[in-house]
Amino acid sequence: QLSNDHNIIMTMKPPPTNTNMVQLCASCDRCRSRKTKCDGSRPCLNCKNRYMRVHKMTADELSKNMDSIDISEFDCIYSPAKRRGPVPGKSSASGLHRLSSNNQQQSQQSQQQQAAKQLSQLQLQGGGGQ
């Protein structure tokens, strides 16, 4: 039975990923603008501390009232991450084709130069004997 379980696990496919989901930045906008370390929680520790300073609260008061406070009051906003890497749908095959055609042109040019050198050497050798 162990081998059957192993085969079932090996043939299971991962759940489909939602391509429309927007990936958020790892740090909130305030931490990114101030270039401070963001812990990634919602709201983050820096935004909680700011909220406590503005509303003159202690950490104990904040933890007691955390359920009643709307998260939007913390102004801890995570923006969508910037897209990095190639644009989806654009294949890099066209770039590879350009590279291979450039390499072919360079190869042809070097072959022509070698042939011209050999021809000039033959002409010099033949012309010197007459």
N, C-alpha and C. Protein backbone atom coordinates (compact mmCIF):
# COMPACT_ATOMS: atom_id res chain seq x y z
N GLN A 1 0.83 -1.20 0.00
CA GLN A 1 0.00 0.00 0.00
C GLN A 1 0.87 1.25 0.00
N LEU A 2 2.03 1.18 0.56
CA LEU A 2 2.92 2.32 0.60
C LEU A 2 3.30 2.77 -0.80
N SER A 3 3.55 1.81 -1.70
CA SER A 3 3.92 2.19 -3.06
C SER A 3 2.75 2.82 -3.79
N ASN A 4 1.50 2.37 -3.51
CA ASN A 4 0.33 3.00 -4.13
C ASN A 4 0.16 4.43 -3.67
N ASP A 5 0.35 4.67 -2.37
CA ASP A 5 0.27 6.04 -1.85
C ASP A 5 1.34 6.91 -2.48
N HIS A 6 2.52 6.36 -2.64
CA HIS A 6 3.62 7.12 -3.24
C HIS A 6 3.28 7.50 -4.69
N ASN A 7 2.70 6.55 -5.44
CA ASN A 7 2.33 6.83 -6.83
C ASN A 7 1.24 7.88 -6.91
N ILE A 8 0.28 7.83 -5.99
CA ILE A 8 -0.79 8.83 -5.99
C ILE A 8 -0.22 10.21 -5.72
N ILE A 9 0.66 10.30 -4.77
CA ILE A 9 1.27 11.59 -4.44
C ILE A 9 2.09 12.11 -5.61
N MET A 10 2.81 11.23 -6.28
CA MET A 10 3.66 11.66 -7.39
C MET A 10 2.84 12.12 -8.59
N THR A 11 1.60 11.61 -8.77
CA THR A 11 0.81 11.97 -9.94
C THR A 11 -0.13 13.13 -9.69
N MET A 12 -0.22 13.59 -8.43
CA MET A 12 -1.10 14.72 -8.15
C MET A 12 -0.51 16.00 -8.74
N LYS A 13 -1.38 16.81 -9.34
CA LYS A 13 -0.94 18.06 -9.93
C LYS A 13 -1.16 19.18 -8.92
N PRO A 14 -0.30 20.19 -8.94
CA PRO A 14 -0.51 21.31 -8.03
C PRO A 14 -1.76 22.07 -8.44
N PRO A 15 -2.40 22.77 -7.50
CA PRO A 15 -3.61 23.51 -7.85
C PRO A 15 -3.27 24.60 -8.87
N PRO A 16 -4.22 24.92 -9.75
CA PRO A 16 -3.94 25.94 -10.75
C PRO A 16 -3.72 27.30 -10.10
N THR A 17 -2.80 28.06 -10.64
CA THR A 17 -2.51 29.38 -10.10
C THR A 17 -3.37 30.40 -10.81
N ASN A 18 -3.81 31.38 -10.09
CA ASN A 18 -4.64 32.43 -10.67
C ASN A 18 -3.72 33.48 -11.26
N THR A 19 -3.71 33.60 -12.57
CA THR A 19 -2.80 34.54 -13.23
C THR A 19 -3.26 35.97 -13.09
N ASN A 20 -4.51 36.19 -12.67
CA ASN A 20 -5.02 37.55 -12.51
C ASN A 20 -4.72 38.13 -11.14
N MET A 21 -4.16 37.32 -10.24
CA MET A 21 -3.85 37.83 -8.91
C MET A 21 -2.70 38.82 -8.98
N VAL A 22 -2.84 39.91 -8.26
CA VAL A 22 -1.80 40.93 -8.23
C VAL A 22 -0.88 40.65 -7.06
N GLN A 23 0.40 40.61 -7.33
CA GLN A 23 1.37 40.39 -6.26
C GLN A 23 1.68 41.73 -5.61
N LEU A 24 1.64 41.75 -4.29
CA LEU A 24 1.90 42.98 -3.55
C LEU A 24 3.36 43.07 -3.15
N CYS A 25 3.80 44.29 -2.91
CA CYS A 25 5.17 44.52 -2.45
C CYS A 25 5.35 43.90 -1.07
N ALA A 26 6.58 43.62 -0.73
CA ALA A 26 6.89 43.00 0.56
C ALA A 26 6.80 44.00 1.70
N SER A 27 6.94 45.29 1.41
CA SER A 27 6.87 46.31 2.45
C SER A 27 5.78 47.32 2.11
N CYS A 28 5.20 47.93 3.14
CA CYS A 28 4.13 48.90 2.91
C CYS A 28 4.72 50.19 2.33
N ASP A 29 3.84 51.02 1.82
CA ASP A 29 4.29 52.25 1.14
C ASP A 29 5.04 53.18 2.09
N ARG A 30 4.56 53.30 3.34
CA ARG A 30 5.21 54.19 4.30
C ARG A 30 6.64 53.71 4.60
N CYS A 31 6.80 52.40 4.85
CA CYS A 31 8.13 51.87 5.14
C CYS A 31 9.05 52.01 3.94
N ARG A 32 8.51 51.81 2.75
CA ARG A 32 9.34 51.93 1.55
C ARG A 32 9.77 53.37 1.33
N SER A 33 8.86 54.32 1.56
CA SER A 33 9.22 55.72 1.35
C SER A 33 10.22 56.20 2.41
N ARG A 34 10.12 55.68 3.63
CA ARG A 34 11.04 56.08 4.68
C ARG A 34 12.29 55.20 4.72
N LYS A 35 12.30 54.16 3.88
CA LYS A 35 13.41 53.21 3.80
C LYS A 35 13.69 52.58 5.17
N THR A 36 12.62 52.13 5.80
CA THR A 36 12.74 51.43 7.07
C THR A 36 12.32 49.98 6.88
N LYS A 37 12.69 49.14 7.80
CA LYS A 37 12.37 47.72 7.73
C LYS A 37 10.89 47.52 8.04
N CYS A 38 10.18 46.84 7.13
CA CYS A 38 8.77 46.54 7.32
C CYS A 38 8.65 45.05 7.64
N ASP A 39 7.83 44.72 8.64
CA ASP A 39 7.70 43.31 9.01
C ASP A 39 6.69 42.56 8.14
N GLY A 40 5.96 43.27 7.28
CA GLY A 40 5.06 42.63 6.35
C GLY A 40 3.70 42.28 6.91
N SER A 41 3.47 42.51 8.19
CA SER A 41 2.15 42.22 8.75
C SER A 41 1.21 43.37 8.39
N ARG A 42 -0.08 43.13 8.59
CA ARG A 42 -1.07 44.15 8.23
C ARG A 42 -1.91 44.49 9.43
N PRO A 43 -1.75 45.63 10.02
CA PRO A 43 -0.78 46.69 9.75
C PRO A 43 0.59 46.32 10.29
N CYS A 44 1.60 46.90 9.69
CA CYS A 44 2.97 46.58 10.12
C CYS A 44 3.28 47.29 11.44
N LEU A 45 4.37 46.90 12.04
CA LEU A 45 4.74 47.43 13.36
C LEU A 45 5.00 48.94 13.30
N ASN A 46 5.64 49.41 12.23
CA ASN A 46 5.91 50.85 12.12
C ASN A 46 4.63 51.65 12.01
N CYS A 47 3.65 51.15 11.26
CA CYS A 47 2.37 51.84 11.13
C CYS A 47 1.58 51.80 12.44
N LYS A 48 1.69 50.69 13.17
CA LYS A 48 1.04 50.61 14.50
C LYS A 48 1.65 51.63 15.45
N ASN A 49 2.98 51.74 15.43
CA ASN A 49 3.66 52.70 16.31
C ASN A 49 3.25 54.13 15.96
N ARG A 50 3.14 54.42 14.69
CA ARG A 50 2.73 55.75 14.26
C ARG A 50 1.30 56.03 14.74
N TYR A 51 0.42 55.05 14.60
CA TYR A 51 -0.97 55.20 15.04
C TYR A 51 -1.01 55.47 16.55
N MET A 52 -0.17 54.75 17.32
CA MET A 52 -0.14 54.96 18.77
C MET A 52 0.36 56.36 19.11
N ARG A 53 1.37 56.86 18.37
CA ARG A 53 1.87 58.22 18.62
C ARG A 53 0.81 59.27 18.32
N VAL A 54 0.13 59.11 17.18
CA VAL A 54 -0.87 60.09 16.76
C VAL A 54 -2.06 60.11 17.72
N HIS A 55 -2.50 58.93 18.14
CA HIS A 55 -3.68 58.83 19.00
C HIS A 55 -3.33 58.74 20.49
N LYS A 56 -2.06 58.93 20.80
CA LYS A 56 -1.57 58.94 22.18
C LYS A 56 -2.07 57.73 22.96
N MET A 57 -1.71 56.54 22.41
CA MET A 57 -2.10 55.28 23.02
C MET A 57 -0.86 54.52 23.47
N THR A 58 -1.03 53.63 24.41
CA THR A 58 0.04 52.72 24.80
C THR A 58 -0.15 51.42 24.02
N ALA A 59 0.84 50.57 24.07
CA ALA A 59 0.76 49.29 23.37
C ALA A 59 -0.35 48.42 23.96
N ASP A 60 -0.55 48.51 25.28
CA ASP A 60 -1.61 47.73 25.92
C ASP A 60 -2.98 48.20 25.46
N GLU A 61 -3.16 49.51 25.37
CA GLU A 61 -4.44 50.05 24.91
C GLU A 61 -4.72 49.65 23.46
N LEU A 62 -3.67 49.69 22.66
CA LEU A 62 -3.84 49.31 21.25
C LEU A 62 -4.21 47.85 21.12
N SER A 63 -3.55 46.98 21.88
CA SER A 63 -3.84 45.55 21.77
C SER A 63 -5.26 45.24 22.26
N LYS A 64 -5.75 45.99 23.26
CA LYS A 64 -7.12 45.78 23.74
C LYS A 64 -8.14 46.24 22.70
N ASN A 65 -7.86 47.34 22.02
CA ASN A 65 -8.81 47.94 21.08
C ASN A 65 -8.58 47.51 19.63
N MET A 66 -7.64 46.63 19.39
CA MET A 66 -7.25 46.27 18.02
C MET A 66 -8.43 45.73 17.21
N ASP A 67 -9.30 44.96 17.83
CA ASP A 67 -10.44 44.39 17.11
C ASP A 67 -11.45 45.45 16.70
N SER A 68 -11.56 46.51 17.48
CA SER A 68 -12.55 47.55 17.17
C SER A 68 -12.02 48.62 16.21
N ILE A 69 -10.71 48.65 15.99
CA ILE A 69 -10.11 49.67 15.11
C ILE A 69 -10.12 49.14 13.68
N ASP A 70 -10.60 49.97 12.76
CA ASP A 70 -10.59 49.61 11.34
C ASP A 70 -9.16 49.69 10.82
N ILE A 71 -8.77 48.70 10.06
CA ILE A 71 -7.39 48.61 9.58
C ILE A 71 -7.03 49.78 8.66
N SER A 72 -8.01 50.37 8.00
CA SER A 72 -7.72 51.50 7.10
C SER A 72 -7.25 52.74 7.86
N GLU A 73 -7.55 52.81 9.17
CA GLU A 73 -7.11 53.95 9.98
C GLU A 73 -5.59 53.96 10.20
N PHE A 74 -4.94 52.84 9.98
CA PHE A 74 -3.49 52.75 10.17
C PHE A 74 -2.72 53.31 8.97
N ASP A 75 -3.38 53.49 7.85
CA ASP A 75 -2.73 53.93 6.61
C ASP A 75 -1.54 53.04 6.25
N CYS A 76 -1.71 51.76 6.44
CA CYS A 76 -0.67 50.79 6.10
C CYS A 76 -1.08 50.16 4.77
N ILE A 77 -0.60 50.72 3.67
CA ILE A 77 -1.03 50.31 2.33
C ILE A 77 0.10 49.59 1.62
N TYR A 78 -0.24 48.44 1.05
CA TYR A 78 0.71 47.65 0.27
C TYR A 78 0.35 47.81 -1.20
N SER A 79 1.22 48.43 -1.97
CA SER A 79 0.97 48.65 -3.38
C SER A 79 1.31 47.41 -4.19
N PRO A 80 0.77 47.32 -5.42
CA PRO A 80 1.16 46.20 -6.29
C PRO A 80 2.64 46.27 -6.62
N ALA A 81 3.26 45.10 -6.71
CA ALA A 81 4.69 45.04 -7.01
C ALA A 81 4.92 45.42 -8.46
N LYS A 82 6.07 46.02 -8.73
CA LYS A 82 6.42 46.36 -10.10
C LYS A 82 6.77 45.09 -10.85
N ARG A 83 6.37 45.06 -12.10
CA ARG A 83 6.65 43.90 -12.94
C ARG A 83 8.13 43.87 -13.27
N ARG A 84 8.72 42.72 -13.11
CA ARG A 84 10.14 42.54 -13.43
C ARG A 84 10.26 41.41 -14.44
N GLY A 85 11.28 41.49 -15.25
CA GLY A 85 11.51 40.43 -16.22
C GLY A 85 10.82 40.71 -17.54
N PRO A 86 10.81 39.74 -18.42
CA PRO A 86 10.25 39.94 -19.76
C PRO A 86 8.74 40.10 -19.70
N VAL A 87 8.19 40.77 -20.70
CA VAL A 87 6.76 40.96 -20.80
C VAL A 87 6.13 39.62 -21.18
N PRO A 88 5.08 39.19 -20.47
CA PRO A 88 4.45 37.92 -20.81
C PRO A 88 3.91 37.96 -22.24
N GLY A 89 4.08 36.87 -22.95
CA GLY A 89 3.59 36.79 -24.32
C GLY A 89 4.65 37.10 -25.34
N LYS A 90 5.65 37.83 -24.96
CA LYS A 90 6.76 38.12 -25.86
C LYS A 90 7.77 37.00 -25.72
N SER A 91 8.03 36.32 -26.81
CA SER A 91 8.98 35.22 -26.70
C SER A 91 10.38 35.75 -26.93
N SER A 92 11.33 35.13 -26.31
CA SER A 92 12.72 35.54 -26.49
C SER A 92 13.30 34.89 -27.73
N ALA A 93 12.49 34.13 -28.46
CA ALA A 93 12.98 33.47 -29.68
C ALA A 93 13.38 34.51 -30.72
N SER A 94 12.65 35.64 -30.79
CA SER A 94 13.00 36.66 -31.77
C SER A 94 14.37 37.25 -31.44
N GLY A 95 14.67 37.43 -30.16
CA GLY A 95 15.98 37.92 -29.76
C GLY A 95 17.07 36.92 -30.10
N LEU A 96 16.76 35.64 -29.90
CA LEU A 96 17.74 34.60 -30.23
C LEU A 96 17.96 34.54 -31.74
N HIS A 97 16.91 34.78 -32.53
CA HIS A 97 17.04 34.76 -33.98
C HIS A 97 17.96 35.89 -34.44
N ARG A 98 17.78 37.07 -33.81
CA ARG A 98 18.66 38.20 -34.17
C ARG A 98 20.10 37.87 -33.84
N LEU A 99 20.32 37.25 -32.67
CA LEU A 99 21.69 36.91 -32.28
C LEU A 99 22.30 35.90 -33.25
N SER A 100 21.52 34.89 -33.64
CA SER A 100 22.07 33.87 -34.53
C SER A 100 22.33 34.45 -35.92
N SER A 101 21.48 35.38 -36.40
CA SER A 101 21.73 35.98 -37.71
C SER A 101 22.96 36.89 -37.66
N ASN A 102 23.18 37.58 -36.54
CA ASN A 102 24.39 38.40 -36.39
C ASN A 102 25.62 37.51 -36.38
N ASN A 103 25.55 36.38 -35.69
CA ASN A 103 26.67 35.45 -35.65
C ASN A 103 26.97 34.90 -37.04
N GLN A 104 25.92 34.62 -37.80
CA GLN A 104 26.12 34.11 -39.16
C GLN A 104 26.79 35.17 -40.03
N GLN A 105 26.36 36.42 -39.90
CA GLN A 105 26.97 37.50 -40.69
C GLN A 105 28.44 37.66 -40.33
N GLN A 106 28.74 37.62 -39.03
CA GLN A 106 30.13 37.76 -38.61
C GLN A 106 30.96 36.60 -39.11
N SER A 107 30.40 35.40 -39.10
CA SER A 107 31.12 34.23 -39.59
C SER A 107 31.40 34.34 -41.09
N GLN A 108 30.42 34.82 -41.84
CA GLN A 108 30.61 35.00 -43.28
C GLN A 108 31.68 36.05 -43.57
N GLN A 109 31.66 37.13 -42.81
CA GLN A 109 32.66 38.18 -43.01
C GLN A 109 34.06 37.67 -42.71
N SER A 110 34.20 36.89 -41.64
CA SER A 110 35.54 36.39 -41.30
C SER A 110 36.01 35.38 -42.35
N GLN A 111 35.10 34.60 -42.90
CA GLN A 111 35.47 33.66 -43.96
C GLN A 111 35.93 34.41 -45.21
N GLN A 112 35.22 35.49 -45.53
CA GLN A 112 35.60 36.30 -46.70
C GLN A 112 36.97 36.94 -46.49
N GLN A 113 37.22 37.42 -45.28
CA GLN A 113 38.52 38.03 -44.99
C GLN A 113 39.64 37.00 -45.09
N GLN A 114 39.42 35.79 -44.59
CA GLN A 114 40.43 34.74 -44.68
C GLN A 114 40.69 34.37 -46.13
N ALA A 115 39.63 34.29 -46.92
CA ALA A 115 39.79 33.96 -48.33
C ALA A 115 40.58 35.05 -49.05
N ALA A 116 40.32 36.30 -48.73
CA ALA A 116 41.04 37.41 -49.35
C ALA A 116 42.52 37.38 -48.97
N LYS A 117 42.82 37.05 -47.72
CA LYS A 117 44.22 36.95 -47.28
C LYS A 117 44.95 35.84 -48.04
N GLN A 118 44.28 34.69 -48.14
CA GLN A 118 44.90 33.56 -48.84
C GLN A 118 45.14 33.91 -50.31
N LEU A 119 44.19 34.60 -50.92
CA LEU A 119 44.34 34.99 -52.32
C LEU A 119 45.50 35.96 -52.50
N SER A 120 45.61 36.92 -51.58
CA SER A 120 46.71 37.89 -51.70
C SER A 120 48.07 37.21 -51.46
N GLN A 121 48.12 36.23 -50.57
CA GLN A 121 49.36 35.49 -50.33
C GLN A 121 49.74 34.69 -51.57
N LEU A 122 48.76 34.06 -52.20
CA LEU A 122 49.03 33.29 -53.42
C LEU A 122 49.52 34.20 -54.55
N GLN A 123 48.94 35.38 -54.64
CA GLN A 123 49.35 36.31 -55.68
C GLN A 123 50.78 36.79 -55.43
N LEU A 124 51.09 37.03 -54.14
CA LEU A 124 52.46 37.46 -53.83
C LEU A 124 53.47 36.36 -54.13
N GLN A 125 53.12 35.12 -53.81
CA GLN A 125 54.03 34.00 -54.06
C GLN A 125 54.18 33.78 -55.57
N GLY A 126 53.10 33.85 -56.28
CA GLY A 126 53.18 33.65 -57.74
C GLY A 126 53.84 34.80 -58.45
N GLY A 127 53.63 36.01 -57.97
CA GLY A 127 54.23 37.19 -58.60
C GLY A 127 55.71 37.28 -58.33
N GLY A 128 56.18 36.77 -57.21
CA GLY A 128 57.60 36.85 -56.84
C GLY A 128 58.42 35.86 -57.67
N GLY A 129 57.85 34.76 -58.17
CA GLY A 129 58.57 33.76 -58.92
C GLY A 129 58.77 34.15 -60.37
N GLN A 130 57.98 35.14 -60.90
CA GLN A 130 58.12 35.53 -62.31
C GLN A 130 59.11 36.57 -62.53
